[in-house]
Amino acid sequence: MDRTDFSGLVEHVGYLYLHEPTLAPRYCPDPGVSQFFRKRIAEQMGIPEEWDYLMYPRLDNVRQTVSRLKGQLL
């Protein structure tokens, strides 16, 4: 299945969606791994144990994101 083609998921078995500002949206079947993207992002950042937002909430990042998006979403 083409990872940008959502039509193959008609049976609604679960999917992942990723969209970065400079890339086209990507869809793919759910690999069945809890917090898949959070774990991959933490690995890429060199902090693989910090994927869990309950243990590592990184509230400064949340505040910065909200601040940046505030005017764009309304």
N, C-alpha and C. Protein backbone atom coordinates (compact mmCIF):
# COMPACT_ATOMS: atom_id res chain seq x y z
N MET A 1 0.84 -1.18 0.00
CA MET A 1 0.00 0.00 0.00
C MET A 1 0.89 1.24 0.00
N ASP A 2 0.58 2.20 -0.82
CA ASP A 2 1.26 3.49 -0.83
C ASP A 2 0.99 4.17 0.51
N ARG A 3 2.02 4.65 1.15
CA ARG A 3 1.86 5.23 2.48
C ARG A 3 1.10 6.56 2.49
N THR A 4 0.80 7.10 1.34
CA THR A 4 -0.03 8.30 1.29
C THR A 4 -1.45 7.97 0.87
N ASP A 5 -1.74 6.72 0.56
CA ASP A 5 -3.06 6.30 0.11
C ASP A 5 -3.83 5.72 1.29
N PHE A 6 -4.83 6.43 1.75
CA PHE A 6 -5.61 6.01 2.91
C PHE A 6 -6.71 5.02 2.55
N SER A 7 -7.01 4.84 1.28
CA SER A 7 -8.13 4.02 0.87
C SER A 7 -7.98 2.54 1.24
N GLY A 8 -6.76 2.06 1.40
CA GLY A 8 -6.54 0.66 1.74
C GLY A 8 -6.89 0.31 3.18
N LEU A 9 -7.26 1.30 3.96
CA LEU A 9 -7.57 1.06 5.37
C LEU A 9 -9.07 1.08 5.62
N VAL A 10 -9.84 0.69 4.62
CA VAL A 10 -11.30 0.74 4.70
C VAL A 10 -11.82 -0.04 5.90
N GLU A 11 -11.17 -1.11 6.24
CA GLU A 11 -11.65 -1.94 7.34
C GLU A 11 -11.36 -1.32 8.70
N HIS A 12 -10.69 -0.18 8.71
CA HIS A 12 -10.41 0.57 9.94
C HIS A 12 -9.67 -0.28 10.98
N VAL A 13 -8.55 -0.82 10.58
CA VAL A 13 -7.76 -1.65 11.47
C VAL A 13 -6.78 -0.83 12.30
N GLY A 14 -6.78 0.46 12.12
CA GLY A 14 -5.87 1.33 12.85
C GLY A 14 -4.77 1.82 11.93
N TYR A 15 -4.34 3.02 12.16
CA TYR A 15 -3.31 3.61 11.30
C TYR A 15 -2.54 4.66 12.08
N LEU A 16 -1.43 5.05 11.52
CA LEU A 16 -0.64 6.16 12.05
C LEU A 16 -0.64 7.25 11.00
N TYR A 17 -0.60 8.49 11.46
CA TYR A 17 -0.59 9.63 10.56
C TYR A 17 0.54 10.55 11.00
N LEU A 18 1.34 10.97 10.05
CA LEU A 18 2.45 11.88 10.33
C LEU A 18 2.43 12.98 9.29
N HIS A 19 2.52 14.22 9.75
CA HIS A 19 2.60 15.33 8.81
C HIS A 19 3.55 16.38 9.39
N GLU A 20 4.66 16.53 8.74
CA GLU A 20 5.64 17.56 9.08
C GLU A 20 5.42 18.72 8.12
N PRO A 21 5.72 19.94 8.56
CA PRO A 21 5.47 21.11 7.70
C PRO A 21 6.10 21.05 6.32
N THR A 22 7.25 20.43 6.20
CA THR A 22 7.94 20.41 4.91
C THR A 22 7.74 19.12 4.12
N LEU A 23 6.92 18.22 4.63
CA LEU A 23 6.71 16.92 3.97
C LEU A 23 5.22 16.67 3.73
N ALA A 24 4.93 15.82 2.78
CA ALA A 24 3.55 15.41 2.53
C ALA A 24 3.06 14.52 3.68
N PRO A 25 1.76 14.53 3.95
CA PRO A 25 1.23 13.63 5.00
C PRO A 25 1.54 12.18 4.69
N ARG A 26 1.75 11.40 5.72
CA ARG A 26 2.06 9.97 5.56
C ARG A 26 1.08 9.15 6.41
N TYR A 27 0.52 8.12 5.83
CA TYR A 27 -0.34 7.17 6.53
C TYR A 27 0.32 5.80 6.44
N CYS A 28 0.19 5.02 7.49
CA CYS A 28 0.68 3.65 7.42
C CYS A 28 -0.08 2.81 8.44
N PRO A 29 -0.13 1.52 8.24
CA PRO A 29 -0.81 0.66 9.21
C PRO A 29 -0.16 0.79 10.59
N ASP A 30 -0.97 0.70 11.60
CA ASP A 30 -0.48 0.78 12.97
C ASP A 30 0.41 -0.43 13.27
N PRO A 31 1.67 -0.20 13.71
CA PRO A 31 2.55 -1.34 14.00
C PRO A 31 2.22 -2.05 15.30
N GLY A 32 1.25 -1.54 16.05
CA GLY A 32 0.85 -2.19 17.30
C GLY A 32 1.79 -1.91 18.46
N VAL A 33 2.58 -0.85 18.35
CA VAL A 33 3.51 -0.47 19.41
C VAL A 33 2.98 0.79 20.07
N SER A 34 2.70 0.71 21.36
CA SER A 34 2.20 1.87 22.09
C SER A 34 3.18 3.03 22.00
N GLN A 35 2.66 4.23 21.76
CA GLN A 35 3.46 5.46 21.70
C GLN A 35 4.58 5.36 20.66
N PHE A 36 4.28 4.79 19.53
CA PHE A 36 5.27 4.53 18.48
C PHE A 36 6.06 5.78 18.11
N PHE A 37 5.38 6.87 17.76
CA PHE A 37 6.09 8.08 17.34
C PHE A 37 6.88 8.70 18.48
N ARG A 38 6.32 8.73 19.65
CA ARG A 38 7.05 9.31 20.79
C ARG A 38 8.37 8.56 21.03
N LYS A 39 8.32 7.26 20.94
CA LYS A 39 9.53 6.46 21.15
C LYS A 39 10.56 6.72 20.05
N ARG A 40 10.11 6.77 18.79
CA ARG A 40 11.04 7.03 17.68
C ARG A 40 11.66 8.42 17.77
N ILE A 41 10.85 9.41 18.13
CA ILE A 41 11.35 10.78 18.25
C ILE A 41 12.39 10.86 19.37
N ALA A 42 12.08 10.26 20.51
CA ALA A 42 13.03 10.26 21.64
C ALA A 42 14.34 9.58 21.24
N GLU A 43 14.25 8.48 20.50
CA GLU A 43 15.48 7.81 20.04
C GLU A 43 16.30 8.73 19.15
N GLN A 44 15.63 9.40 18.20
CA GLN A 44 16.32 10.31 17.27
C GLN A 44 16.97 11.48 18.01
N MET A 45 16.37 11.89 19.12
CA MET A 45 16.92 13.00 19.89
C MET A 45 18.03 12.56 20.84
N GLY A 46 18.28 11.24 20.91
CA GLY A 46 19.32 10.73 21.79
C GLY A 46 18.90 10.59 23.24
N ILE A 47 17.58 10.56 23.48
CA ILE A 47 17.05 10.41 24.84
C ILE A 47 15.97 9.31 24.85
N PRO A 48 16.34 8.09 24.46
CA PRO A 48 15.35 7.04 24.25
C PRO A 48 14.50 6.70 25.47
N GLU A 49 14.98 6.95 26.66
CA GLU A 49 14.21 6.63 27.86
C GLU A 49 13.21 7.72 28.21
N GLU A 50 13.23 8.85 27.51
CA GLU A 50 12.36 9.97 27.87
C GLU A 50 11.14 10.12 26.96
N TRP A 51 10.68 9.03 26.37
CA TRP A 51 9.51 9.08 25.49
C TRP A 51 8.21 9.27 26.26
N ASP A 52 8.17 8.88 27.52
CA ASP A 52 6.95 8.88 28.33
C ASP A 52 6.65 10.29 28.85
N TYR A 53 5.58 10.90 28.33
CA TYR A 53 5.24 12.27 28.72
C TYR A 53 4.80 12.38 30.18
N LEU A 54 4.33 11.30 30.77
CA LEU A 54 3.98 11.35 32.19
C LEU A 54 5.22 11.47 33.07
N MET A 55 6.27 10.80 32.67
CA MET A 55 7.52 10.85 33.44
C MET A 55 8.37 12.07 33.06
N TYR A 56 8.30 12.48 31.80
CA TYR A 56 9.10 13.59 31.27
C TYR A 56 8.18 14.54 30.49
N PRO A 57 7.38 15.35 31.19
CA PRO A 57 6.38 16.16 30.49
C PRO A 57 6.93 17.28 29.62
N ARG A 58 8.14 17.73 29.86
CA ARG A 58 8.76 18.79 29.04
C ARG A 58 7.79 19.95 28.82
N LEU A 59 7.31 20.51 29.91
CA LEU A 59 6.30 21.56 29.85
C LEU A 59 6.79 22.81 29.13
N ASP A 60 8.08 23.09 29.16
CA ASP A 60 8.60 24.24 28.41
C ASP A 60 8.35 24.06 26.91
N ASN A 61 8.52 22.84 26.41
CA ASN A 61 8.25 22.58 24.99
C ASN A 61 6.77 22.77 24.67
N VAL A 62 5.92 22.35 25.58
CA VAL A 62 4.47 22.50 25.39
C VAL A 62 4.12 23.99 25.33
N ARG A 63 4.66 24.77 26.26
CA ARG A 63 4.39 26.21 26.28
C ARG A 63 4.87 26.89 25.00
N GLN A 64 6.05 26.53 24.54
CA GLN A 64 6.58 27.11 23.30
C GLN A 64 5.70 26.75 22.10
N THR A 65 5.26 25.52 22.04
CA THR A 65 4.41 25.08 20.93
C THR A 65 3.08 25.83 20.95
N VAL A 66 2.46 25.92 22.11
CA VAL A 66 1.19 26.64 22.23
C VAL A 66 1.37 28.10 21.83
N SER A 67 2.44 28.70 22.26
CA SER A 67 2.71 30.10 21.93
C SER A 67 2.87 30.29 20.43
N ARG A 68 3.59 29.40 19.78
CA ARG A 68 3.81 29.50 18.33
C ARG A 68 2.53 29.29 17.53
N LEU A 69 1.68 28.39 18.00
CA LEU A 69 0.47 28.04 17.25
C LEU A 69 -0.74 28.92 17.58
N LYS A 70 -0.66 29.64 18.66
CA LYS A 70 -1.81 30.40 19.14
C LYS A 70 -2.48 31.24 18.05
N GLY A 71 -1.74 32.03 17.34
CA GLY A 71 -2.32 32.89 16.32
C GLY A 71 -2.67 32.16 15.04
N GLN A 72 -2.13 30.99 14.82
CA GLN A 72 -2.34 30.26 13.57
C GLN A 72 -3.60 29.41 13.57
N LEU A 73 -4.07 29.02 14.74
CA LEU A 73 -5.19 28.08 14.81
C LEU A 73 -6.55 28.76 14.84
N LEU A 74 -6.59 30.02 15.13
CA LEU A 74 -7.90 30.70 15.24
C LEU A 74 -8.17 31.57 14.06
